[in-house]
N, C-alpha and C. Protein backbone atom coordinates (compact mmCIF):
# COMPACT_ATOMS: atom_id res chain seq x y z
N MET A 1 52.80 52.43 152.01
CA MET A 1 53.79 52.86 150.72
C MET A 1 52.52 53.10 149.54
N ALA A 2 51.12 52.96 150.01
CA ALA A 2 50.05 53.16 148.78
C ALA A 2 50.15 54.44 148.96
N ASN A 3 50.15 55.21 150.23
CA ASN A 3 50.11 56.62 150.08
C ASN A 3 50.83 57.53 148.98
N PHE A 4 52.62 57.00 149.33
CA PHE A 4 53.41 57.20 148.68
C PHE A 4 52.58 57.45 147.05
N SER A 5 52.60 56.14 146.44
CA SER A 5 52.47 55.80 145.14
C SER A 5 51.53 56.83 144.28
N SER A 6 50.15 56.81 145.23
CA SER A 6 49.58 57.23 144.82
C SER A 6 49.47 59.00 144.48
N GLN A 7 50.13 59.14 145.57
CA GLN A 7 50.35 60.93 145.34
C GLN A 7 51.50 60.92 143.93
N LEU A 8 52.25 60.32 144.05
CA LEU A 8 53.36 60.09 142.73
C LEU A 8 52.60 60.33 141.52
N LYS A 9 52.08 59.21 141.39
CA LYS A 9 50.87 58.95 140.31
C LYS A 9 49.97 60.23 140.19
N ALA A 10 49.44 61.04 141.07
CA ALA A 10 49.06 62.07 141.08
C ALA A 10 49.71 63.07 140.22
N GLU A 11 50.76 63.45 140.56
CA GLU A 11 52.14 64.64 140.72
C GLU A 11 52.47 64.57 139.52
N ILE A 12 52.88 63.21 138.65
CA ILE A 12 52.96 62.86 137.58
C ILE A 12 51.64 63.17 136.66
N SER A 13 50.92 62.83 136.40
CA SER A 13 49.41 63.09 135.99
C SER A 13 49.10 64.84 136.30
N ARG A 14 49.52 65.26 137.14
CA ARG A 14 49.54 66.68 137.09
C ARG A 14 50.24 67.40 136.48
N ILE A 15 51.80 66.97 136.21
CA ILE A 15 52.44 67.42 135.75
C ILE A 15 52.45 67.06 133.96
N ALA A 16 51.98 66.28 133.76
CA ALA A 16 51.59 65.74 132.22
C ALA A 16 50.43 66.71 132.12
N ARG A 17 49.18 67.01 132.80
CA ARG A 17 48.35 67.73 131.96
C ARG A 17 48.99 69.37 131.76
N LYS A 18 49.77 69.48 132.57
CA LYS A 18 50.53 70.75 132.33
C LYS A 18 50.95 71.00 131.46
N GLU A 19 52.18 70.11 131.24
CA GLU A 19 52.30 69.98 129.65
C GLU A 19 51.70 70.19 128.75
N ILE A 20 50.46 68.88 128.19
CA ILE A 20 49.94 69.04 127.40
C ILE A 20 49.42 70.52 127.07
N ARG A 21 48.58 71.42 128.39
CA ARG A 21 48.07 72.75 128.12
C ARG A 21 49.06 73.27 127.31
N ALA A 22 50.52 72.88 127.67
CA ALA A 22 51.00 74.36 127.24
C ALA A 22 51.42 74.12 125.87
N GLU A 23 51.47 72.41 125.61
CA GLU A 23 51.40 72.71 124.19
C GLU A 23 50.55 72.87 122.69
N THR A 24 49.20 72.51 123.64
CA THR A 24 48.00 72.60 123.00
C THR A 24 47.55 74.25 122.54
N GLN A 25 47.98 75.01 124.18
CA GLN A 25 47.93 76.60 123.89
C GLN A 25 48.44 76.83 122.37
N ALA A 26 49.66 76.81 122.22
CA ALA A 26 49.77 77.31 120.66
C ALA A 26 49.66 76.71 119.23
N LEU A 27 48.36 75.48 119.82
CA LEU A 27 47.46 75.13 118.56
C LEU A 27 46.63 75.91 118.55
N LYS A 28 46.24 76.31 120.33
CA LYS A 28 44.86 76.82 119.81
C LYS A 28 44.98 78.39 119.55
N LYS A 29 46.01 79.05 119.64
CA LYS A 29 46.33 80.31 119.03
C LYS A 29 46.79 80.51 117.71
N ALA A 30 47.09 79.31 117.16
CA ALA A 30 47.39 79.31 115.72
C ALA A 30 45.99 79.22 115.19
N SER A 31 45.32 77.89 115.16
CA SER A 31 43.74 77.92 115.19
C SER A 31 43.20 78.68 115.04
N ALA A 32 43.23 80.11 116.14
CA ALA A 32 42.35 81.16 115.89
C ALA A 32 42.95 81.99 114.91
N GLN A 33 44.23 82.05 114.58
CA GLN A 33 44.83 83.47 113.68
C GLN A 33 44.49 82.96 112.35
N TYR A 34 44.39 81.36 112.02
CA TYR A 34 43.85 80.84 110.39
C TYR A 34 42.54 80.97 110.42
N ARG A 35 41.78 80.85 111.25
CA ARG A 35 40.41 81.53 110.96
C ARG A 35 39.98 82.96 111.27
N THR A 36 40.64 83.88 111.56
CA THR A 36 40.69 84.59 110.82
C THR A 36 41.24 85.23 109.74
N ASP A 37 42.29 84.95 109.49
CA ASP A 37 42.72 84.84 108.22
C ASP A 37 42.38 84.20 107.50
N ILE A 38 41.32 82.93 107.47
CA ILE A 38 40.28 82.96 106.17
C ILE A 38 39.01 83.53 106.13
N ALA A 39 38.78 84.13 107.53
CA ALA A 39 37.65 85.17 106.94
C ALA A 39 37.84 86.28 106.39
N ALA A 40 38.87 86.60 106.90
CA ALA A 40 39.14 88.00 105.84
C ALA A 40 39.67 87.59 104.25
N LEU A 41 40.17 86.72 103.97
CA LEU A 41 40.11 86.07 102.38
C LEU A 41 39.01 86.21 102.14
N ARG A 42 37.53 85.43 103.07
CA ARG A 42 36.63 85.44 102.49
C ARG A 42 35.92 86.85 102.27
N ARG A 43 35.95 87.45 103.12
CA ARG A 43 35.98 89.41 102.91
C ARG A 43 35.80 89.73 101.52
N ARG A 44 37.74 89.38 101.35
CA ARG A 44 38.18 90.18 100.34
C ARG A 44 37.41 89.20 98.77
N ILE A 45 37.33 88.23 98.53
CA ILE A 45 36.88 87.04 97.83
C ILE A 45 35.15 87.67 97.44
N ALA A 46 34.22 88.00 98.66
CA ALA A 46 33.05 88.63 98.10
C ALA A 46 33.40 90.16 97.87
N GLU A 47 34.07 91.01 98.13
CA GLU A 47 34.54 92.05 97.61
C GLU A 47 34.60 91.92 96.24
N GLN A 48 36.10 91.39 95.92
CA GLN A 48 36.14 91.38 94.21
C GLN A 48 34.80 90.97 93.74
N ASP A 49 34.59 89.75 93.94
CA ASP A 49 32.77 89.13 93.54
C ASP A 49 31.88 90.75 93.10
N ARG A 50 31.88 91.32 93.80
CA ARG A 50 30.83 92.53 94.10
C ARG A 50 31.87 93.62 92.58
N VAL A 51 33.01 93.54 93.38
CA VAL A 51 33.53 94.53 91.85
C VAL A 51 33.48 93.88 90.33
N ILE A 52 33.33 92.56 90.51
CA ILE A 52 33.36 91.73 89.01
C ILE A 52 32.22 91.89 88.50
N ALA A 53 31.21 91.86 89.34
CA ALA A 53 29.77 91.57 88.76
C ALA A 53 29.42 93.31 88.59
N ARG A 54 29.79 94.30 88.79
CA ARG A 54 29.55 95.97 88.90
C ARG A 54 30.08 95.50 87.39
N LEU A 55 31.43 95.64 87.14
CA LEU A 55 32.52 95.65 85.85
C LEU A 55 31.30 94.53 84.64
N ARG A 56 30.75 93.31 84.86
CA ARG A 56 30.34 92.67 84.23
C ARG A 56 28.94 93.76 83.34
N LYS A 57 28.35 94.46 84.45
CA LYS A 57 27.05 94.88 84.36
C LYS A 57 27.23 96.58 83.68
N GLY A 58 29.02 96.90 83.24
CA GLY A 58 29.18 98.00 82.54
C GLY A 58 29.46 98.83 83.79
N LYS A 59 29.41 99.09 84.78
CA LYS A 59 29.50 100.28 85.63
C LYS A 59 30.72 100.21 86.19
N PRO A 60 30.98 101.62 86.42
CA PRO A 60 32.86 101.32 86.68
C PRO A 60 32.41 101.28 88.25
N PRO A 61 33.92 100.70 88.41
CA PRO A 61 33.64 100.38 90.37
C PRO A 61 33.40 101.60 90.90
N LEU A 62 34.06 101.70 92.50
CA LEU A 62 33.65 102.41 93.20
C LEU A 62 35.21 102.62 93.06
N ALA A 63 35.65 103.82 93.68
CA ALA A 63 37.59 104.49 93.69
C ALA A 63 37.93 103.26 94.88
N VAL A 64 36.80 103.64 95.98
CA VAL A 64 37.16 103.04 97.27
C VAL A 64 37.38 101.89 97.33
N GLY A 65 36.35 101.07 96.56
CA GLY A 65 36.21 99.85 96.34
C GLY A 65 37.35 98.89 95.77
N LEU A 66 37.80 99.59 94.59
CA LEU A 66 38.74 99.09 93.62
C LEU A 66 40.05 99.32 94.32
N SER A 67 40.17 100.34 95.01
CA SER A 67 41.73 100.10 95.46
C SER A 67 41.76 99.78 96.75
N HIS A 68 40.54 99.34 97.83
CA HIS A 68 40.67 98.44 98.81
C HIS A 68 40.94 96.71 98.10
N VAL A 69 40.08 96.80 96.71
CA VAL A 69 40.45 95.18 96.28
C VAL A 69 41.89 95.05 95.57
N CYS A 70 42.34 96.08 95.62
CA CYS A 70 43.86 96.27 94.35
C CYS A 70 44.94 96.40 95.30
N GLY A 71 44.46 96.42 96.63
CA GLY A 71 45.43 96.36 97.78
C GLY A 71 46.77 97.49 97.92
N ARG A 72 46.03 98.49 96.69
CA ARG A 72 46.84 99.66 96.99
C ARG A 72 46.09 101.13 96.49
N ILE A 73 46.56 102.20 96.77
CA ILE A 73 45.41 103.40 96.92
C ILE A 73 46.20 104.72 95.33
N ALA A 74 45.72 104.39 94.69
CA ALA A 74 46.35 104.82 92.89
C ALA A 74 46.58 106.70 93.88
N HIS A 75 47.14 107.19 93.79
CA HIS A 75 48.07 108.73 94.33
C HIS A 75 47.85 109.29 92.58
N ARG A 76 47.06 110.12 92.15
CA ARG A 76 47.36 110.76 91.48
C ARG A 76 46.36 112.17 91.51
């Protein structure tokens, strides 16, 4: 009976690890997406800071930089 109980225990452990792996996989994917989003936001902030610095110096911002920062392209 010791063999049966050890096999049962091993099977329960295997199934538990499989379930935990499935649950943590979703969290890992979400975490990776959040890191990507945070990096993109930091890049946008850096670009906006550069535009603000140019405006404070009295230089007009670049058309491409401004349209990128504003999130839309002016069609004129």
